[in-house]
């Protein structure tokens, strides 16, 4: 059977988080004319995630199948690949286990895709649900935690913007993903083997580079639950570092192969200049201001990015 939409939920040790998300999916409205399914991909969990899913399957509505899948390769990128391989929907919507979609998220995703047949990827409007108040001026780095609030009008992500939506709340056209998303990916997501982030941007960039449109749809509205441990200075520094270290590779995907030998050095020199200027302007705030320290860490990691990638993937 073919479906309009497959909801794909990669999860690692998500037993405590999945119930709220599944409650939101059970409460979806305006889906009477839609055929959709849910696949939860257990990415090597060590808690009772599998037991929780099987318990929900026992009384889950039969008109929206709830499937369990297991992906032993650690990393969000592999979990998403597994989900797309098993999906039967023309669209695949990725929700993290700490995402809470509003009651029309499914309907809004399908409506927008129908109205925009050239859309290969559609990003959600993502609000934060903080367990504790974030650091002062947190909006400057909120995007590193997949917070996307770009207003109430839909917007096309133009390639020149050098900006793309995160995987949280992302809906892709399965055809576009299967044809263009790398398998295996170069970036695989944070795991015990790597701290590199931005594996979602890698796939979206390949889709955009192939000529598909990438959109922001504010009607696809979700809340991202952010617990207190993700607002600590150490965790935030880790997140921006993992994104910065992948920046050289992500940036290179925007260039044609013949351009890379010329544009890569120029981009690196710009990174050096920005990092140096920022340090001179803000070095006295680095110890006391978490947001400033994170911005500096991102700039520093961007400078280190090509060397880190070369060392990691050259086997040195």
C-alpha atoms as a PDB file:
ATOM      1  CA  UNK A   1       0.000   0.000   0.000  1.00  0.00           C
ATOM      2  CA  UNK A   2       1.216   3.496  -0.852  1.00  0.00           C
ATOM      3  CA  UNK A   3       0.876   6.320   1.659  1.00  0.00           C
ATOM      4  CA  UNK A   4       0.742  10.082   1.371  1.00  0.00           C
ATOM      5  CA  UNK A   5       3.147  10.525   4.272  1.00  0.00           C
ATOM      6  CA  UNK A   6       5.469   8.475   6.439  1.00  0.00           C
ATOM      7  CA  UNK A   7       6.403   9.965   9.812  1.00  0.00           C
ATOM      8  CA  UNK A   8       9.971   8.841  10.599  1.00  0.00           C
ATOM      9  CA  UNK A   9      11.150   9.111  14.207  1.00  0.00           C
ATOM     10  CA  UNK A  10      14.829   8.302  14.848  1.00  0.00           C
ATOM     11  CA  UNK A  11      15.377   7.696  18.554  1.00  0.00           C
ATOM     12  CA  UNK A  12      18.183   6.764  20.902  1.00  0.00           C
ATOM     13  CA  UNK A  13      17.142   5.938  24.458  1.00  0.00           C
ATOM     14  CA  UNK A  14      13.871   7.753  23.883  1.00  0.00           C
ATOM     15  CA  UNK A  15      11.596   5.698  26.131  1.00  0.00           C
ATOM     16  CA  UNK A  16      10.796   8.661  28.374  1.00  0.00           C
ATOM     17  CA  UNK A  17      10.362  11.133  25.500  1.00  0.00           C
ATOM     18  CA  UNK A  18       8.342   9.156  22.961  1.00  0.00           C
ATOM     19  CA  UNK A  19       4.987   9.181  24.826  1.00  0.00           C
ATOM     20  CA  UNK A  20       4.505  12.955  24.447  1.00  0.00           C
ATOM     21  CA  UNK A  21       5.337  12.815  20.745  1.00  0.00           C
ATOM     22  CA  UNK A  22       3.043   9.855  20.122  1.00  0.00           C
ATOM     23  CA  UNK A  23       0.241  11.654  21.965  1.00  0.00           C
ATOM     24  CA  UNK A  24       0.655  14.589  19.568  1.00  0.00           C
ATOM     25  CA  UNK A  25       0.536  12.281  16.553  1.00  0.00           C
ATOM     26  CA  UNK A  26      -2.550  10.539  17.887  1.00  0.00           C
ATOM     27  CA  UNK A  27      -4.274  13.929  18.186  1.00  0.00           C
ATOM     28  CA  UNK A  28      -3.734  14.997  14.553  1.00  0.00           C
ATOM     29  CA  UNK A  29      -6.771  16.535  12.852  1.00  0.00           C
ATOM     30  CA  UNK A  30      -7.892  17.091   9.248  1.00  0.00           C
ATOM     31  CA  UNK A  31      -6.303  13.808   8.163  1.00  0.00           C
ATOM     32  CA  UNK A  32      -9.492  11.967   7.142  1.00  0.00           C
ATOM     33  CA  UNK A  33      -8.539  11.980   3.459  1.00  0.00           C
ATOM     34  CA  UNK A  34      -4.872  11.143   4.071  1.00  0.00           C
ATOM     35  CA  UNK A  35      -3.143   7.789   4.275  1.00  0.00           C
ATOM     36  CA  UNK A  36      -0.152   7.976   6.578  1.00  0.00           C
ATOM     37  CA  UNK A  37       2.039   5.776   8.711  1.00  0.00           C
ATOM     38  CA  UNK A  38       4.632   6.090  11.489  1.00  0.00           C
ATOM     39  CA  UNK A  39       8.023   4.381  11.664  1.00  0.00           C
ATOM     40  CA  UNK A  40      10.072   4.634  14.851  1.00  0.00           C
ATOM     41  CA  UNK A  41      13.715   3.765  14.217  1.00  0.00           C
ATOM     42  CA  UNK A  42      15.461   2.512  17.330  1.00  0.00           C
ATOM     43  CA  UNK A  43      19.074   3.612  16.851  1.00  0.00           C
ATOM     44  CA  UNK A  44      20.747   1.075  19.134  1.00  0.00           C
ATOM     45  CA  UNK A  45      18.993   2.156  22.335  1.00  0.00           C
ATOM     46  CA  UNK A  46      20.098   0.675  25.645  1.00  0.00           C
ATOM     47  CA  UNK A  47      16.918   1.564  27.565  1.00  0.00           C
ATOM     48  CA  UNK A  48      13.411   0.082  27.178  1.00  0.00           C
ATOM     49  CA  UNK A  49      12.561   2.021  24.019  1.00  0.00           C
ATOM     50  CA  UNK A  50      11.531  -1.150  22.169  1.00  0.00           C
ATOM     51  CA  UNK A  51       9.185  -2.200  24.998  1.00  0.00           C
ATOM     52  CA  UNK A  52       7.526   1.228  25.036  1.00  0.00           C
ATOM     53  CA  UNK A  53       6.888   1.113  21.291  1.00  0.00           C
ATOM     54  CA  UNK A  54       5.458  -2.411  21.420  1.00  0.00           C
ATOM     55  CA  UNK A  55       3.133  -1.364  24.235  1.00  0.00           C
ATOM     56  CA  UNK A  56       1.809   1.512  22.128  1.00  0.00           C
ATOM     57  CA  UNK A  57       1.372  -0.776  19.121  1.00  0.00           C
ATOM     58  CA  UNK A  58      -1.113  -2.926  21.035  1.00  0.00           C
ATOM     59  CA  UNK A  59      -3.852  -0.276  21.035  1.00  0.00           C
ATOM     60  CA  UNK A  60      -2.701   2.089  18.299  1.00  0.00           C
ATOM     61  CA  UNK A  61      -5.352   3.082  15.699  1.00  0.00           C
ATOM     62  CA  UNK A  62      -5.243   0.620  12.817  1.00  0.00           C
ATOM     63  CA  UNK A  63      -5.779   3.314  10.181  1.00  0.00           C
ATOM     64  CA  UNK A  64      -2.343   4.830  10.975  1.00  0.00           C
ATOM     65  CA  UNK A  65       0.141   1.936  11.201  1.00  0.00           C
ATOM     66  CA  UNK A  66       2.817   2.276  13.875  1.00  0.00           C
ATOM     67  CA  UNK A  67       5.973   0.371  12.898  1.00  0.00           C
ATOM     68  CA  UNK A  68       9.125  -0.455  14.852  1.00  0.00           C
ATOM     69  CA  UNK A  69      12.485  -0.633  13.094  1.00  0.00           C
ATOM     70  CA  UNK A  70      15.989  -1.210  14.422  1.00  0.00           C
ATOM     71  CA  UNK A  71      19.149   0.444  13.037  1.00  0.00           C
ATOM     72  CA  UNK A  72      22.380  -0.848  14.623  1.00  0.00           C
ATOM     73  CA  UNK A  73      24.686   1.691  12.960  1.00  0.00           C
ATOM     74  CA  UNK A  74      24.990   4.510  15.456  1.00  0.00           C
ATOM     75  CA  UNK A  75      24.181   7.978  14.151  1.00  0.00           C
ATOM     76  CA  UNK A  76      21.085   9.942  13.202  1.00  0.00           C
ATOM     77  CA  UNK A  77      22.047   9.853   9.527  1.00  0.00           C
ATOM     78  CA  UNK A  78      21.851   6.053   9.458  1.00  0.00           C
ATOM     79  CA  UNK A  79      18.520   6.067  11.305  1.00  0.00           C
ATOM     80  CA  UNK A  80      17.043   8.426   8.703  1.00  0.00           C
ATOM     81  CA  UNK A  81      18.375   6.289   5.861  1.00  0.00           C
ATOM     82  CA  UNK A  82      16.755   3.220   7.424  1.00  0.00           C
ATOM     83  CA  UNK A  83      13.449   5.080   7.780  1.00  0.00           C
ATOM     84  CA  UNK A  84      13.400   6.181   4.144  1.00  0.00           C
ATOM     85  CA  UNK A  85      14.270   2.651   2.977  1.00  0.00           C
ATOM     86  CA  UNK A  86      11.255   1.266   4.833  1.00  0.00           C
ATOM     87  CA  UNK A  87       8.883   4.176   4.192  1.00  0.00           C
ATOM     88  CA  UNK A  88       5.944   3.735   1.867  1.00  0.00           C
ATOM     89  CA  UNK A  89       4.911   7.386   1.836  1.00  0.00           C
ATOM     90  CA  UNK A  90       5.447   9.742  -1.069  1.00  0.00           C
ATOM     91  CA  UNK A  91       6.560  12.195   1.614  1.00  0.00           C
ATOM     92  CA  UNK A  92       8.740  11.404   4.624  1.00  0.00           C
ATOM     93  CA  UNK A  93       8.472  13.658   7.665  1.00  0.00           C
ATOM     94  CA  UNK A  94      11.301  13.504  10.197  1.00  0.00           C
ATOM     95  CA  UNK A  95      10.451  14.174  13.828  1.00  0.00           C
ATOM     96  CA  UNK A  96      12.970  13.829  16.633  1.00  0.00           C
ATOM     97  CA  UNK A  97      11.733  12.135  19.792  1.00  0.00           C
ATOM     98  CA  UNK A  98      11.756  15.502  21.596  1.00  0.00           C
ATOM     99  CA  UNK A  99       9.585  17.249  18.965  1.00  0.00           C
ATOM    100  CA  UNK A 100       5.932  18.030  19.660  1.00  0.00           C
ATOM    101  CA  UNK A 101       3.994  18.784  16.451  1.00  0.00           C
ATOM    102  CA  UNK A 102       0.808  20.807  16.598  1.00  0.00           C
ATOM    103  CA  UNK A 103      -2.461  19.105  15.748  1.00  0.00           C
ATOM    104  CA  UNK A 104      -2.380  20.111  12.055  1.00  0.00           C
ATOM    105  CA  UNK A 105       1.258  19.285  11.368  1.00  0.00           C
ATOM    106  CA  UNK A 106       0.503  16.240   9.221  1.00  0.00           C
ATOM    107  CA  UNK A 107      -2.240  17.985   7.260  1.00  0.00           C
ATOM    108  CA  UNK A 108      -0.154  21.166   6.820  1.00  0.00           C
ATOM    109  CA  UNK A 109       2.790  19.165   5.480  1.00  0.00           C
ATOM    110  CA  UNK A 110       0.696  17.312   2.921  1.00  0.00           C
ATOM    111  CA  UNK A 111      -1.189  20.451   1.866  1.00  0.00           C
ATOM    112  CA  UNK A 112       2.021  22.410   1.311  1.00  0.00           C
ATOM    113  CA  UNK A 113       3.659  19.587  -0.650  1.00  0.00           C
ATOM    114  CA  UNK A 114       0.593  19.337  -2.902  1.00  0.00           C
ATOM    115  CA  UNK A 115       0.708  23.082  -3.546  1.00  0.00           C
ATOM    116  CA  UNK A 116       4.475  23.077  -4.218  1.00  0.00           C
ATOM    117  CA  UNK A 117       5.300  20.061  -6.397  1.00  0.00           C
ATOM    118  CA  UNK A 118       8.893  21.256  -6.877  1.00  0.00           C
ATOM    119  CA  UNK A 119       9.527  21.238  -3.138  1.00  0.00           C
ATOM    120  CA  UNK A 120      12.032  18.510  -2.344  1.00  0.00           C
ATOM    121  CA  UNK A 121      12.283  19.500   1.323  1.00  0.00           C
ATOM    122  CA  UNK A 122      10.029  21.550   3.608  1.00  0.00           C
ATOM    123  CA  UNK A 123      11.110  22.845   7.012  1.00  0.00           C
ATOM    124  CA  UNK A 124       8.899  23.527  10.002  1.00  0.00           C
ATOM    125  CA  UNK A 125       8.494  26.504  12.281  1.00  0.00           C
ATOM    126  CA  UNK A 126      10.145  25.329  15.508  1.00  0.00           C
ATOM    127  CA  UNK A 127       9.533  26.945  18.891  1.00  0.00           C
ATOM    128  CA  UNK A 128      11.484  26.101  22.041  1.00  0.00           C
ATOM    129  CA  UNK A 129      10.015  24.546  25.151  1.00  0.00           C
ATOM    130  CA  UNK A 130      12.718  25.227  27.732  1.00  0.00           C
ATOM    131  CA  UNK A 131      12.819  23.308  30.987  1.00  0.00           C
ATOM    132  CA  UNK A 132      14.753  26.203  32.537  1.00  0.00           C
ATOM    133  CA  UNK A 133      15.350  29.733  31.227  1.00  0.00           C
ATOM    134  CA  UNK A 134      18.164  29.847  28.641  1.00  0.00           C
ATOM    135  CA  UNK A 135      21.227  32.095  28.971  1.00  0.00           C
ATOM    136  CA  UNK A 136      20.820  35.793  28.252  1.00  0.00           C
ATOM    137  CA  UNK A 137      20.765  36.671  24.535  1.00  0.00           C
ATOM    138  CA  UNK A 138      20.245  33.012  23.691  1.00  0.00           C
ATOM    139  CA  UNK A 139      18.372  33.903  20.496  1.00  0.00           C
ATOM    140  CA  UNK A 140      21.778  34.593  18.898  1.00  0.00           C
ATOM    141  CA  UNK A 141      22.644  30.889  19.030  1.00  0.00           C
ATOM    142  CA  UNK A 142      19.179  29.298  19.247  1.00  0.00           C
ATOM    143  CA  UNK A 143      19.470  27.912  15.715  1.00  0.00           C
ATOM    144  CA  UNK A 144      22.175  25.512  16.928  1.00  0.00           C
ATOM    145  CA  UNK A 145      19.389  23.790  18.902  1.00  0.00           C
ATOM    146  CA  UNK A 146      17.090  23.645  15.863  1.00  0.00           C
ATOM    147  CA  UNK A 147      14.973  26.653  16.818  1.00  0.00           C
ATOM    148  CA  UNK A 148      13.539  28.146  13.616  1.00  0.00           C
ATOM    149  CA  UNK A 149      11.161  31.081  13.941  1.00  0.00           C
ATOM    150  CA  UNK A 150      11.142  32.901  10.608  1.00  0.00           C
ATOM    151  CA  UNK A 151       7.710  34.490  10.786  1.00  0.00           C
ATOM    152  CA  UNK A 152       4.241  33.539   9.603  1.00  0.00           C
ATOM    153  CA  UNK A 153       4.869  33.684   5.844  1.00  0.00           C
ATOM    154  CA  UNK A 154       6.232  30.742   3.896  1.00  0.00           C
ATOM    155  CA  UNK A 155       9.691  31.365   2.464  1.00  0.00           C
ATOM    156  CA  UNK A 156      11.862  29.735  -0.170  1.00  0.00           C
ATOM    157  CA  UNK A 157      15.392  28.937   0.968  1.00  0.00           C
ATOM    158  CA  UNK A 158      17.382  30.339  -1.927  1.00  0.00           C
ATOM    159  CA  UNK A 159      20.864  28.827  -2.450  1.00  0.00           C
ATOM    160  CA  UNK A 160      22.388  32.302  -2.075  1.00  0.00           C
ATOM    161  CA  UNK A 161      20.979  32.537   1.457  1.00  0.00           C
ATOM    162  CA  UNK A 162      23.456  29.885   2.679  1.00  0.00           C
ATOM    163  CA  UNK A 163      20.786  28.790   5.122  1.00  0.00           C
ATOM    164  CA  UNK A 164      18.757  25.584   5.338  1.00  0.00           C
ATOM    165  CA  UNK A 165      16.243  24.042   7.762  1.00  0.00           C
ATOM    166  CA  UNK A 166      17.287  21.410  10.306  1.00  0.00           C
ATOM    167  CA  UNK A 167      16.074  17.812  10.171  1.00  0.00           C
ATOM    168  CA  UNK A 168      13.730  18.333  13.128  1.00  0.00           C
ATOM    169  CA  UNK A 169      10.302  18.756  11.571  1.00  0.00           C
ATOM    170  CA  UNK A 170      11.662  18.346   8.045  1.00  0.00           C
ATOM    171  CA  UNK A 171       9.469  16.816   5.347  1.00  0.00           C
ATOM    172  CA  UNK A 172      11.166  15.489   2.221  1.00  0.00           C
ATOM    173  CA  UNK A 173       9.819  14.099  -0.997  1.00  0.00           C
ATOM    174  CA  UNK A 174      10.922  10.465  -0.889  1.00  0.00           C
ATOM    175  CA  UNK A 175      11.809  10.531  -4.585  1.00  0.00           C
ATOM    176  CA  UNK A 176      14.169  13.479  -4.049  1.00  0.00           C
ATOM    177  CA  UNK A 177      15.840  11.857  -1.042  1.00  0.00           C
ATOM    178  CA  UNK A 178      16.325   8.485  -2.703  1.00  0.00           C
ATOM    179  CA  UNK A 179      17.829  10.022  -5.818  1.00  0.00           C
ATOM    180  CA  UNK A 180      20.101  12.610  -4.263  1.00  0.00           C
ATOM    181  CA  UNK A 181      20.784  12.140  -0.541  1.00  0.00           C
ATOM    182  CA  UNK A 182      24.188  10.435  -0.094  1.00  0.00           C
ATOM    183  CA  UNK A 183      24.226   6.820   1.056  1.00  0.00           C
ATOM    184  CA  UNK A 184      26.414   6.381   2.953  1.00  0.00           C
ATOM    185  CA  UNK A 185      26.713  10.011   4.046  1.00  0.00           C
ATOM    186  CA  UNK A 186      30.033  11.696   4.674  1.00  0.00           C
ATOM    187  CA  UNK A 187      28.694  13.181   7.927  1.00  0.00           C
ATOM    188  CA  UNK A 188      26.905  10.697  10.150  1.00  0.00           C
ATOM    189  CA  UNK A 189      25.719  12.697  13.156  1.00  0.00           C
ATOM    190  CA  UNK A 190      27.043  12.767  16.691  1.00  0.00           C
ATOM    191  CA  UNK A 191      27.818   9.359  18.148  1.00  0.00           C
ATOM    192  CA  UNK A 192      30.511   7.577  20.088  1.00  0.00           C
ATOM    193  CA  UNK A 193      32.681   7.618  16.955  1.00  0.00           C
ATOM    194  CA  UNK A 194      32.344  11.235  15.847  1.00  0.00           C
ATOM    195  CA  UNK A 195      31.280  14.632  17.135  1.00  0.00           C
ATOM    196  CA  UNK A 196      30.570  16.038  13.686  1.00  0.00           C
ATOM    197  CA  UNK A 197      27.146  17.593  13.277  1.00  0.00           C
ATOM    198  CA  UNK A 198      25.247  18.846  10.177  1.00  0.00           C
ATOM    199  CA  UNK A 199      24.549  15.441   8.631  1.00  0.00           C
ATOM    200  CA  UNK A 200      21.017  16.696   7.938  1.00  0.00           C
ATOM    201  CA  UNK A 201      22.315  19.725   6.031  1.00  0.00           C
ATOM    202  CA  UNK A 202      24.453  17.427   3.887  1.00  0.00           C
ATOM    203  CA  UNK A 203      21.393  15.581   2.592  1.00  0.00           C
ATOM    204  CA  UNK A 204      19.298  18.729   2.134  1.00  0.00           C
ATOM    205  CA  UNK A 205      22.115  20.431   0.218  1.00  0.00           C
ATOM    206  CA  UNK A 206      22.356  17.519  -2.201  1.00  0.00           C
ATOM    207  CA  UNK A 207      18.611  17.755  -2.787  1.00  0.00           C
ATOM    208  CA  UNK A 208      18.787  21.522  -3.325  1.00  0.00           C
ATOM    209  CA  UNK A 209      21.817  21.213  -5.608  1.00  0.00           C
ATOM    210  CA  UNK A 210      19.852  18.775  -7.771  1.00  0.00           C
ATOM    211  CA  UNK A 211      17.320  21.521  -8.515  1.00  0.00           C
ATOM    212  CA  UNK A 212      14.611  20.796  -5.955  1.00  0.00           C
ATOM    213  CA  UNK A 213      13.181  23.673  -3.932  1.00  0.00           C
ATOM    214  CA  UNK A 214      13.593  23.912  -0.158  1.00  0.00           C
ATOM    215  CA  UNK A 215      10.875  25.760   1.761  1.00  0.00           C
ATOM    216  CA  UNK A 216      10.005  27.067   5.198  1.00  0.00           C
ATOM    217  CA  UNK A 217       6.346  26.417   6.049  1.00  0.00           C
ATOM    218  CA  UNK A 218       5.210  28.143   9.271  1.00  0.00           C
ATOM    219  CA  UNK A 219       1.959  26.157   9.316  1.00  0.00           C
ATOM    220  CA  UNK A 220       4.042  23.066  10.107  1.00  0.00           C
ATOM    221  CA  UNK A 221       4.495  24.129  13.709  1.00  0.00           C
ATOM    222  CA  UNK A 222       6.310  22.132  16.367  1.00  0.00           C
ATOM    223  CA  UNK A 223       7.806  22.638  19.814  1.00  0.00           C
ATOM    224  CA  UNK A 224      11.291  21.403  20.595  1.00  0.00           C
ATOM    225  CA  UNK A 225      11.634  20.223  24.182  1.00  0.00           C
ATOM    226  CA  UNK A 226      14.993  21.371  25.554  1.00  0.00           C
ATOM    227  CA  UNK A 227      15.909  19.998  28.992  1.00  0.00           C
ATOM    228  CA  UNK A 228      18.188  21.803  31.413  1.00  0.00           C
ATOM    229  CA  UNK A 229      21.251  19.698  30.562  1.00  0.00           C
ATOM    230  CA  UNK A 230      21.169  21.032  26.979  1.00  0.00           C
ATOM    231  CA  UNK A 231      21.382  24.600  28.213  1.00  0.00           C
ATOM    232  CA  UNK A 232      24.593  24.177  30.176  1.00  0.00           C
ATOM    233  CA  UNK A 233      27.696  25.993  29.011  1.00  0.00           C
ATOM    234  CA  UNK A 234      29.574  22.748  28.338  1.00  0.00           C
ATOM    235  CA  UNK A 235      26.809  21.229  26.231  1.00  0.00           C
ATOM    236  CA  UNK A 236      26.248  24.379  24.187  1.00  0.00           C
ATOM    237  CA  UNK A 237      29.974  24.677  23.498  1.00  0.00           C
ATOM    238  CA  UNK A 238      29.974  21.044  22.377  1.00  0.00           C
ATOM    239  CA  UNK A 239      27.050  21.601  19.996  1.00  0.00           C
ATOM    240  CA  UNK A 240      28.535  24.672  18.310  1.00  0.00           C
ATOM    241  CA  UNK A 241      31.942  22.967  18.124  1.00  0.00           C
ATOM    242  CA  UNK A 242      30.456  19.924  16.380  1.00  0.00           C
ATOM    243  CA  UNK A 243      28.738  22.202  13.869  1.00  0.00           C
ATOM    244  CA  UNK A 244      31.774  24.391  13.284  1.00  0.00           C
ATOM    245  CA  UNK A 245      34.089  21.433  12.661  1.00  0.00           C
ATOM    246  CA  UNK A 246      31.797  20.251   9.843  1.00  0.00           C
ATOM    247  CA  UNK A 247      31.547  23.686   8.250  1.00  0.00           C
ATOM    248  CA  UNK A 248      34.335  23.280   5.697  1.00  0.00           C
ATOM    249  CA  UNK A 249      32.661  20.218   4.202  1.00  0.00           C
ATOM    250  CA  UNK A 250      29.141  21.702   4.221  1.00  0.00           C
ATOM    251  CA  UNK A 251      30.392  24.893   2.596  1.00  0.00           C
ATOM    252  CA  UNK A 252      32.225  22.940  -0.108  1.00  0.00           C
ATOM    253  CA  UNK A 253      28.973  21.265  -1.164  1.00  0.00           C
ATOM    254  CA  UNK A 254      27.707  24.645  -2.336  1.00  0.00           C
ATOM    255  CA  UNK A 255      30.542  24.877  -4.882  1.00  0.00           C
ATOM    256  CA  UNK A 256      31.188  23.063  -8.122  1.00  0.00           C
ATOM    257  CA  UNK A 257      34.184  20.711  -7.940  1.00  0.00           C
ATOM    258  CA  UNK A 258      36.367  22.963 -10.088  1.00  0.00           C
ATOM    259  CA  UNK A 259      35.634  25.936  -7.806  1.00  0.00           C
ATOM    260  CA  UNK A 260      36.711  24.253  -4.572  1.00  0.00           C
ATOM    261  CA  UNK A 261      40.513  24.652  -4.935  1.00  0.00           C
ATOM    262  CA  UNK A 262      40.020  28.412  -5.349  1.00  0.00           C
ATOM    263  CA  UNK A 263      37.104  29.144  -3.023  1.00  0.00           C
ATOM    264  CA  UNK A 264      38.128  26.925  -0.108  1.00  0.00           C
ATOM    265  CA  UNK A 265      41.281  28.939   0.764  1.00  0.00           C
ATOM    266  CA  UNK A 266      39.355  32.201   0.412  1.00  0.00           C
ATOM    267  CA  UNK A 267      36.608  30.915   2.703  1.00  0.00           C
ATOM    268  CA  UNK A 268      39.155  29.756   5.267  1.00  0.00           C
ATOM    269  CA  UNK A 269      40.883  33.147   5.268  1.00  0.00           C
ATOM    270  CA  UNK A 270      37.522  34.828   5.875  1.00  0.00           C
ATOM    271  CA  UNK A 271      36.972  32.482   8.803  1.00  0.00           C
ATOM    272  CA  UNK A 272      40.372  33.377  10.246  1.00  0.00           C
ATOM    273  CA  UNK A 273      39.635  37.082   9.866  1.00  0.00           C
ATOM    274  CA  UNK A 274      36.199  36.816  11.491  1.00  0.00           C
ATOM    275  CA  UNK A 275      37.532  34.756  14.382  1.00  0.00           C
ATOM    276  CA  UNK A 276      40.403  37.167  15.015  1.00  0.00           C
ATOM    277  CA  UNK A 277      38.182  40.247  14.899  1.00  0.00           C
ATOM    278  CA  UNK A 278      35.572  38.645  17.165  1.00  0.00           C
ATOM    279  CA  UNK A 279      38.222  37.636  19.687  1.00  0.00           C
ATOM    280  CA  UNK A 280      39.704  41.130  19.787  1.00  0.00           C
ATOM    281  CA  UNK A 281      36.269  42.646  20.303  1.00  0.00           C
ATOM    282  CA  UNK A 282      34.903  40.176  22.871  1.00  0.00           C
ATOM    283  CA  UNK A 283      37.799  38.369  24.586  1.00  0.00           C
ATOM    284  CA  UNK A 284      36.979  39.956  27.931  1.00  0.00           C
ATOM    285  CA  UNK A 285      33.462  38.455  27.851  1.00  0.00           C
ATOM    286  CA  UNK A 286      34.379  34.874  26.976  1.00  0.00           C
ATOM    287  CA  UNK A 287      34.585  33.590  30.548  1.00  0.00           C
ATOM    288  CA  UNK A 288      31.432  35.263  31.794  1.00  0.00           C
ATOM    289  CA  UNK A 289      29.047  35.195  28.810  1.00  0.00           C
ATOM    290  CA  UNK A 290      27.970  31.776  27.550  1.00  0.00           C
ATOM    291  CA  UNK A 291      26.483  33.010  24.269  1.00  0.00           C
ATOM    292  CA  UNK A 292      29.595  35.019  23.402  1.00  0.00           C
ATOM    293  CA  UNK A 293      31.768  32.015  24.239  1.00  0.00           C
ATOM    294  CA  UNK A 294      29.649  29.847  21.938  1.00  0.00           C
ATOM    295  CA  UNK A 295      29.922  32.304  19.057  1.00  0.00           C
ATOM    296  CA  UNK A 296      33.697  32.364  19.519  1.00  0.00           C
ATOM    297  CA  UNK A 297      33.813  28.561  19.678  1.00  0.00           C
ATOM    298  CA  UNK A 298      31.915  28.297  16.391  1.00  0.00           C
ATOM    299  CA  UNK A 299      34.282  30.704  14.665  1.00  0.00           C
ATOM    300  CA  UNK A 300      37.337  28.931  16.064  1.00  0.00           C
ATOM    301  CA  UNK A 301      35.992  25.506  15.066  1.00  0.00           C
ATOM    302  CA  UNK A 302      35.271  26.784  11.557  1.00  0.00           C
ATOM    303  CA  UNK A 303      38.936  27.761  11.246  1.00  0.00           C
ATOM    304  CA  UNK A 304      39.993  24.306  12.429  1.00  0.00           C
ATOM    305  CA  UNK A 305      37.406  22.501  10.284  1.00  0.00           C
ATOM    306  CA  UNK A 306      39.484  21.653   7.168  1.00  0.00           C
ATOM    307  CA  UNK A 307      42.392  20.392   9.271  1.00  0.00           C
ATOM    308  CA  UNK A 308      40.132  18.359  11.553  1.00  0.00           C
ATOM    309  CA  UNK A 309      38.373  16.746   8.586  1.00  0.00           C
ATOM    310  CA  UNK A 310      41.649  16.009   6.820  1.00  0.00           C
ATOM    311  CA  UNK A 311      43.152  14.372   9.887  1.00  0.00           C
ATOM    312  CA  UNK A 312      40.038  12.385  10.750  1.00  0.00           C
ATOM    313  CA  UNK A 313      39.362  11.039   7.259  1.00  0.00           C
ATOM    314  CA  UNK A 314      42.935  10.615   6.068  1.00  0.00           C
ATOM    315  CA  UNK A 315      43.556   8.088   8.820  1.00  0.00           C
ATOM    316  CA  UNK A 316      46.290  10.133  10.491  1.00  0.00           C
END
